[in-house]
């Protein structure tokens, strides 16, 4: 531990800094003017890519998260916002502590504050996946996941937005095996999305 801190900030301190910055930019800094929320029934197509690292182990990977969501609700009040519900895919390539992959997906619920400039968002999702990850006593190759995310997105051009966020992710075999320690991890992700009517 002493050696890691001598080389620079720890992963935990970087994660805390990133989340704090997202909250500061998204929720504390007031918007200059309110923007119009998208119409209900419009769609959002997006792709995020991120770096995953385990919280209590040395697992590390690159994750790709394509998604398609539909705007289910909007609020055009003083703090306009929108909720999308959709499907998010998952492809992960582990490179530490062993070579492995994951493939799966599931439903996702997303809320974002519609603003001119930086727009904060929160997400929750669940899913099912296939994994050949070894050395973590996961008890099955068919696994289940639950995750939550916070971040900010910045609209540009007319319907595009760039995003950056933090995601907490939990995977386990959901009781399929007597051994079910699960695997908790962090993902720092960036992405692009396109809104179409």
C-alpha atoms as a PDB file:
ATOM      1  CA  UNK A   1       0.000   0.000   0.000  1.00  0.00           C
ATOM      2  CA  UNK A   2       2.837   2.376   0.858  1.00  0.00           C
ATOM      3  CA  UNK A   3       4.435   1.845  -2.530  1.00  0.00           C
ATOM      4  CA  UNK A   4       1.189   2.531  -4.418  1.00  0.00           C
ATOM      5  CA  UNK A   5       0.590   5.814  -2.617  1.00  0.00           C
ATOM      6  CA  UNK A   6       4.181   6.913  -3.232  1.00  0.00           C
ATOM      7  CA  UNK A   7       3.693   6.558  -6.980  1.00  0.00           C
ATOM      8  CA  UNK A   8       0.566   8.703  -7.064  1.00  0.00           C
ATOM      9  CA  UNK A   9      -3.089   8.823  -6.068  1.00  0.00           C
ATOM     10  CA  UNK A  10      -4.860   5.529  -5.434  1.00  0.00           C
ATOM     11  CA  UNK A  11      -7.666   4.192  -7.619  1.00  0.00           C
ATOM     12  CA  UNK A  12     -10.129   4.836  -4.800  1.00  0.00           C
ATOM     13  CA  UNK A  13      -9.103   8.494  -4.510  1.00  0.00           C
ATOM     14  CA  UNK A  14      -9.364   8.923  -8.291  1.00  0.00           C
ATOM     15  CA  UNK A  15     -12.863   7.399  -8.227  1.00  0.00           C
ATOM     16  CA  UNK A  16     -13.913   9.737  -5.397  1.00  0.00           C
ATOM     17  CA  UNK A  17     -12.510  12.723  -7.275  1.00  0.00           C
ATOM     18  CA  UNK A  18     -14.315  11.772 -10.505  1.00  0.00           C
ATOM     19  CA  UNK A  19     -17.693  11.287  -8.792  1.00  0.00           C
ATOM     20  CA  UNK A  20     -17.310  14.531  -6.829  1.00  0.00           C
ATOM     21  CA  UNK A  21     -16.489  16.452 -10.010  1.00  0.00           C
ATOM     22  CA  UNK A  22     -19.526  14.982 -11.807  1.00  0.00           C
ATOM     23  CA  UNK A  23     -21.806  15.968  -8.942  1.00  0.00           C
ATOM     24  CA  UNK A  24     -20.299  19.459  -8.760  1.00  0.00           C
ATOM     25  CA  UNK A  25     -20.632  20.106 -12.483  1.00  0.00           C
ATOM     26  CA  UNK A  26     -24.034  18.517 -12.880  1.00  0.00           C
ATOM     27  CA  UNK A  27     -26.011  19.342  -9.771  1.00  0.00           C
ATOM     28  CA  UNK A  28     -24.399  22.377  -8.155  1.00  0.00           C
ATOM     29  CA  UNK A  29     -23.609  24.640 -11.103  1.00  0.00           C
ATOM     30  CA  UNK A  30     -26.934  26.165 -12.190  1.00  0.00           C
ATOM     31  CA  UNK A  31     -27.878  26.131 -15.874  1.00  0.00           C
ATOM     32  CA  UNK A  32     -27.891  29.400 -17.792  1.00  0.00           C
ATOM     33  CA  UNK A  33     -31.272  28.626 -19.375  1.00  0.00           C
ATOM     34  CA  UNK A  34     -33.606  25.643 -19.483  1.00  0.00           C
ATOM     35  CA  UNK A  35     -33.704  23.546 -22.640  1.00  0.00           C
ATOM     36  CA  UNK A  36     -36.677  21.792 -24.213  1.00  0.00           C
ATOM     37  CA  UNK A  37     -37.027  18.096 -23.316  1.00  0.00           C
ATOM     38  CA  UNK A  38     -37.276  15.625 -26.203  1.00  0.00           C
ATOM     39  CA  UNK A  39     -40.756  14.474 -27.216  1.00  0.00           C
ATOM     40  CA  UNK A  40     -42.151  11.347 -25.572  1.00  0.00           C
ATOM     41  CA  UNK A  41     -41.735   8.419 -27.958  1.00  0.00           C
ATOM     42  CA  UNK A  42     -38.394   9.575 -29.387  1.00  0.00           C
ATOM     43  CA  UNK A  43     -35.402   7.207 -29.270  1.00  0.00           C
ATOM     44  CA  UNK A  44     -31.845   7.444 -28.016  1.00  0.00           C
ATOM     45  CA  UNK A  45     -29.092   5.333 -29.570  1.00  0.00           C
ATOM     46  CA  UNK A  46     -25.805   5.292 -27.704  1.00  0.00           C
ATOM     47  CA  UNK A  47     -22.475   3.610 -27.105  1.00  0.00           C
ATOM     48  CA  UNK A  48     -20.242   3.891 -24.061  1.00  0.00           C
ATOM     49  CA  UNK A  49     -16.829   2.363 -23.550  1.00  0.00           C
ATOM     50  CA  UNK A  50     -15.047   2.167 -20.242  1.00  0.00           C
ATOM     51  CA  UNK A  51     -12.294   0.809 -18.043  1.00  0.00           C
ATOM     52  CA  UNK A  52     -13.448  -1.718 -15.413  1.00  0.00           C
ATOM     53  CA  UNK A  53     -11.486  -2.574 -12.273  1.00  0.00           C
ATOM     54  CA  UNK A  54     -12.480  -4.775  -9.353  1.00  0.00           C
ATOM     55  CA  UNK A  55     -13.038  -3.328  -5.900  1.00  0.00           C
ATOM     56  CA  UNK A  56     -11.544  -6.191  -3.870  1.00  0.00           C
ATOM     57  CA  UNK A  57      -9.408  -7.965  -6.490  1.00  0.00           C
ATOM     58  CA  UNK A  58      -7.132  -7.297  -9.424  1.00  0.00           C
ATOM     59  CA  UNK A  59      -9.661  -7.825 -12.241  1.00  0.00           C
ATOM     60  CA  UNK A  60      -9.342  -5.274 -15.041  1.00  0.00           C
ATOM     61  CA  UNK A  61     -11.075  -5.037 -18.386  1.00  0.00           C
ATOM     62  CA  UNK A  62     -12.352  -2.891 -21.222  1.00  0.00           C
ATOM     63  CA  UNK A  63     -16.152  -2.763 -21.525  1.00  0.00           C
ATOM     64  CA  UNK A  64     -18.431  -1.731 -24.407  1.00  0.00           C
ATOM     65  CA  UNK A  65     -22.054  -0.796 -23.676  1.00  0.00           C
ATOM     66  CA  UNK A  66     -24.327  -0.215 -26.703  1.00  0.00           C
ATOM     67  CA  UNK A  67     -27.881   0.846 -25.902  1.00  0.00           C
ATOM     68  CA  UNK A  68     -31.222   1.759 -27.422  1.00  0.00           C
ATOM     69  CA  UNK A  69     -33.764   3.569 -25.263  1.00  0.00           C
ATOM     70  CA  UNK A  70     -37.139   5.223 -25.749  1.00  0.00           C
ATOM     71  CA  UNK A  71     -38.210   8.444 -24.034  1.00  0.00           C
ATOM     72  CA  UNK A  72     -41.077   7.407 -21.741  1.00  0.00           C
ATOM     73  CA  UNK A  73     -41.635  10.601 -19.713  1.00  0.00           C
ATOM     74  CA  UNK A  74     -40.625  14.253 -19.772  1.00  0.00           C
ATOM     75  CA  UNK A  75     -41.054  17.224 -17.466  1.00  0.00           C
ATOM     76  CA  UNK A  76     -41.015  20.707 -18.956  1.00  0.00           C
ATOM     77  CA  UNK A  77     -41.065  22.555 -15.611  1.00  0.00           C
ATOM     78  CA  UNK A  78     -38.422  24.768 -14.052  1.00  0.00           C
ATOM     79  CA  UNK A  79     -35.984  21.815 -13.987  1.00  0.00           C
ATOM     80  CA  UNK A  80     -36.872  19.890 -17.168  1.00  0.00           C
ATOM     81  CA  UNK A  81     -35.891  16.245 -17.355  1.00  0.00           C
ATOM     82  CA  UNK A  82     -36.560  13.028 -19.238  1.00  0.00           C
ATOM     83  CA  UNK A  83     -36.702   9.312 -18.497  1.00  0.00           C
ATOM     84  CA  UNK A  84     -35.739   6.671 -21.042  1.00  0.00           C
ATOM     85  CA  UNK A  85     -36.281   2.941 -20.799  1.00  0.00           C
ATOM     86  CA  UNK A  86     -34.401   0.597 -23.071  1.00  0.00           C
ATOM     87  CA  UNK A  87     -32.034  -2.282 -23.638  1.00  0.00           C
ATOM     88  CA  UNK A  88     -28.287  -2.112 -23.010  1.00  0.00           C
ATOM     89  CA  UNK A  89     -25.841  -4.634 -24.401  1.00  0.00           C
ATOM     90  CA  UNK A  90     -22.567  -5.641 -22.778  1.00  0.00           C
ATOM     91  CA  UNK A  91     -19.277  -6.855 -24.170  1.00  0.00           C
ATOM     92  CA  UNK A  92     -16.277  -7.039 -21.834  1.00  0.00           C
ATOM     93  CA  UNK A  93     -12.743  -8.192 -22.504  1.00  0.00           C
ATOM     94  CA  UNK A  94     -10.769  -8.972 -19.325  1.00  0.00           C
ATOM     95  CA  UNK A  95      -6.987  -8.721 -19.516  1.00  0.00           C
ATOM     96  CA  UNK A  96      -6.158  -9.006 -15.778  1.00  0.00           C
ATOM     97  CA  UNK A  97      -5.904 -11.290 -13.825  1.00  0.00           C
ATOM     98  CA  UNK A  98      -6.669 -13.637 -16.735  1.00  0.00           C
ATOM     99  CA  UNK A  99      -7.851 -13.455 -20.330  1.00  0.00           C
ATOM    100  CA  UNK A 100     -11.654 -13.720 -20.427  1.00  0.00           C
ATOM    101  CA  UNK A 101     -14.784 -12.237 -21.981  1.00  0.00           C
ATOM    102  CA  UNK A 102     -18.399 -11.445 -21.119  1.00  0.00           C
ATOM    103  CA  UNK A 103     -21.391 -11.053 -23.398  1.00  0.00           C
ATOM    104  CA  UNK A 104     -24.903 -10.124 -22.342  1.00  0.00           C
ATOM    105  CA  UNK A 105     -27.368  -7.335 -21.710  1.00  0.00           C
ATOM    106  CA  UNK A 106     -30.611  -6.304 -20.091  1.00  0.00           C
ATOM    107  CA  UNK A 107     -33.103  -3.504 -19.396  1.00  0.00           C
ATOM    108  CA  UNK A 108     -31.946  -0.052 -18.306  1.00  0.00           C
ATOM    109  CA  UNK A 109     -33.727   3.004 -16.851  1.00  0.00           C
ATOM    110  CA  UNK A 110     -32.149   6.427 -17.319  1.00  0.00           C
ATOM    111  CA  UNK A 111     -33.051   9.914 -16.058  1.00  0.00           C
ATOM    112  CA  UNK A 112     -31.323  13.055 -17.194  1.00  0.00           C
ATOM    113  CA  UNK A 113     -31.822  16.737 -16.485  1.00  0.00           C
ATOM    114  CA  UNK A 114     -32.422  18.596 -19.752  1.00  0.00           C
ATOM    115  CA  UNK A 115     -30.361  21.779 -19.752  1.00  0.00           C
ATOM    116  CA  UNK A 116     -28.426  24.099 -22.011  1.00  0.00           C
ATOM    117  CA  UNK A 117     -24.893  22.889 -21.449  1.00  0.00           C
ATOM    118  CA  UNK A 118     -23.921  20.085 -19.066  1.00  0.00           C
ATOM    119  CA  UNK A 119     -26.731  17.619 -18.304  1.00  0.00           C
ATOM    120  CA  UNK A 120     -26.362  15.271 -15.296  1.00  0.00           C
ATOM    121  CA  UNK A 121     -27.818  11.770 -15.489  1.00  0.00           C
ATOM    122  CA  UNK A 122     -28.428   8.699 -13.341  1.00  0.00           C
ATOM    123  CA  UNK A 123     -28.969   5.130 -14.548  1.00  0.00           C
ATOM    124  CA  UNK A 124     -29.975   1.784 -13.070  1.00  0.00           C
ATOM    125  CA  UNK A 125     -30.010  -1.550 -14.847  1.00  0.00           C
ATOM    126  CA  UNK A 126     -30.030  -5.311 -14.511  1.00  0.00           C
ATOM    127  CA  UNK A 127     -28.908  -7.993 -16.920  1.00  0.00           C
ATOM    128  CA  UNK A 128     -27.904 -11.533 -17.711  1.00  0.00           C
ATOM    129  CA  UNK A 129     -24.594 -12.515 -19.238  1.00  0.00           C
ATOM    130  CA  UNK A 130     -22.271 -15.321 -20.239  1.00  0.00           C
ATOM    131  CA  UNK A 131     -18.740 -15.171 -18.847  1.00  0.00           C
ATOM    132  CA  UNK A 132     -15.669 -17.405 -18.980  1.00  0.00           C
ATOM    133  CA  UNK A 133     -13.954 -15.424 -16.216  1.00  0.00           C
ATOM    134  CA  UNK A 134     -11.884 -17.705 -13.971  1.00  0.00           C
ATOM    135  CA  UNK A 135     -10.179 -17.479 -10.551  1.00  0.00           C
ATOM    136  CA  UNK A 136     -13.065 -15.647  -8.849  1.00  0.00           C
ATOM    137  CA  UNK A 137     -15.216 -18.635  -7.742  1.00  0.00           C
ATOM    138  CA  UNK A 138     -18.296 -17.253  -9.485  1.00  0.00           C
ATOM    139  CA  UNK A 139     -19.833 -20.742  -9.600  1.00  0.00           C
ATOM    140  CA  UNK A 140     -21.377 -20.510 -13.086  1.00  0.00           C
ATOM    141  CA  UNK A 141     -20.766 -19.196 -16.569  1.00  0.00           C
ATOM    142  CA  UNK A 142     -24.311 -17.800 -16.716  1.00  0.00           C
ATOM    143  CA  UNK A 143     -24.294 -14.771 -14.415  1.00  0.00           C
ATOM    144  CA  UNK A 144     -26.547 -11.882 -13.436  1.00  0.00           C
ATOM    145  CA  UNK A 145     -25.658  -8.246 -12.962  1.00  0.00           C
ATOM    146  CA  UNK A 146     -27.015  -5.122 -11.327  1.00  0.00           C
ATOM    147  CA  UNK A 147     -25.503  -1.690 -11.775  1.00  0.00           C
ATOM    148  CA  UNK A 148     -26.025   1.993 -11.160  1.00  0.00           C
ATOM    149  CA  UNK A 149     -24.360   4.976 -12.802  1.00  0.00           C
ATOM    150  CA  UNK A 150     -23.997   8.737 -12.460  1.00  0.00           C
ATOM    151  CA  UNK A 151     -22.458  11.116 -14.929  1.00  0.00           C
ATOM    152  CA  UNK A 152     -22.826  14.107 -17.180  1.00  0.00           C
ATOM    153  CA  UNK A 153     -23.518  14.537 -20.864  1.00  0.00           C
ATOM    154  CA  UNK A 154     -22.878  17.515 -23.112  1.00  0.00           C
ATOM    155  CA  UNK A 155     -25.161  17.981 -26.141  1.00  0.00           C
ATOM    156  CA  UNK A 156     -23.558  19.177 -29.368  1.00  0.00           C
ATOM    157  CA  UNK A 157     -24.842  19.813 -32.860  1.00  0.00           C
ATOM    158  CA  UNK A 158     -28.588  19.190 -32.827  1.00  0.00           C
ATOM    159  CA  UNK A 159     -29.182  15.686 -31.490  1.00  0.00           C
ATOM    160  CA  UNK A 160     -25.775  14.327 -30.468  1.00  0.00           C
ATOM    161  CA  UNK A 161     -24.319  14.226 -26.950  1.00  0.00           C
ATOM    162  CA  UNK A 162     -20.966  13.204 -25.454  1.00  0.00           C
ATOM    163  CA  UNK A 163     -20.991  11.647 -21.980  1.00  0.00           C
ATOM    164  CA  UNK A 164     -18.642  10.744 -19.131  1.00  0.00           C
ATOM    165  CA  UNK A 165     -19.640   8.855 -16.022  1.00  0.00           C
ATOM    166  CA  UNK A 166     -18.980   6.408 -13.216  1.00  0.00           C
ATOM    167  CA  UNK A 167     -20.760   3.058 -12.867  1.00  0.00           C
ATOM    168  CA  UNK A 168     -20.848   0.595  -9.978  1.00  0.00           C
ATOM    169  CA  UNK A 169     -21.327  -2.985 -11.175  1.00  0.00           C
ATOM    170  CA  UNK A 170     -22.142  -6.199  -9.318  1.00  0.00           C
ATOM    171  CA  UNK A 171     -22.187  -9.644 -10.934  1.00  0.00           C
ATOM    172  CA  UNK A 172     -22.970 -12.999  -9.312  1.00  0.00           C
ATOM    173  CA  UNK A 173     -24.569 -16.362 -10.067  1.00  0.00           C
ATOM    174  CA  UNK A 174     -27.770 -15.361  -8.154  1.00  0.00           C
ATOM    175  CA  UNK A 175     -27.748 -18.494  -6.001  1.00  0.00           C
ATOM    176  CA  UNK A 176     -27.211 -21.069  -8.760  1.00  0.00           C
ATOM    177  CA  UNK A 177     -24.229 -22.392  -6.812  1.00  0.00           C
ATOM    178  CA  UNK A 178     -23.498 -22.723  -3.061  1.00  0.00           C
ATOM    179  CA  UNK A 179     -20.428 -20.580  -3.711  1.00  0.00           C
ATOM    180  CA  UNK A 180     -21.633 -17.110  -4.671  1.00  0.00           C
ATOM    181  CA  UNK A 181     -19.144 -14.415  -3.591  1.00  0.00           C
ATOM    182  CA  UNK A 182     -19.941 -12.162  -6.550  1.00  0.00           C
ATOM    183  CA  UNK A 183     -17.666  -9.595  -8.138  1.00  0.00           C
ATOM    184  CA  UNK A 184     -18.010  -5.859  -7.519  1.00  0.00           C
ATOM    185  CA  UNK A 185     -16.307  -3.339  -9.729  1.00  0.00           C
ATOM    186  CA  UNK A 186     -16.061   0.237 -10.946  1.00  0.00           C
ATOM    187  CA  UNK A 187     -16.345   1.465 -14.511  1.00  0.00           C
ATOM    188  CA  UNK A 188     -15.239   4.864 -15.760  1.00  0.00           C
ATOM    189  CA  UNK A 189     -16.943   5.326 -19.124  1.00  0.00           C
ATOM    190  CA  UNK A 190     -17.152   7.807 -21.974  1.00  0.00           C
ATOM    191  CA  UNK A 191     -19.580   7.671 -24.848  1.00  0.00           C
ATOM    192  CA  UNK A 192     -21.699   9.190 -27.585  1.00  0.00           C
ATOM    193  CA  UNK A 193     -25.451   9.180 -28.110  1.00  0.00           C
ATOM    194  CA  UNK A 194     -27.890  10.252 -30.798  1.00  0.00           C
ATOM    195  CA  UNK A 195     -31.515  11.262 -30.226  1.00  0.00           C
ATOM    196  CA  UNK A 196     -33.974  10.666 -33.055  1.00  0.00           C
ATOM    197  CA  UNK A 197     -37.735  11.201 -33.392  1.00  0.00           C
END
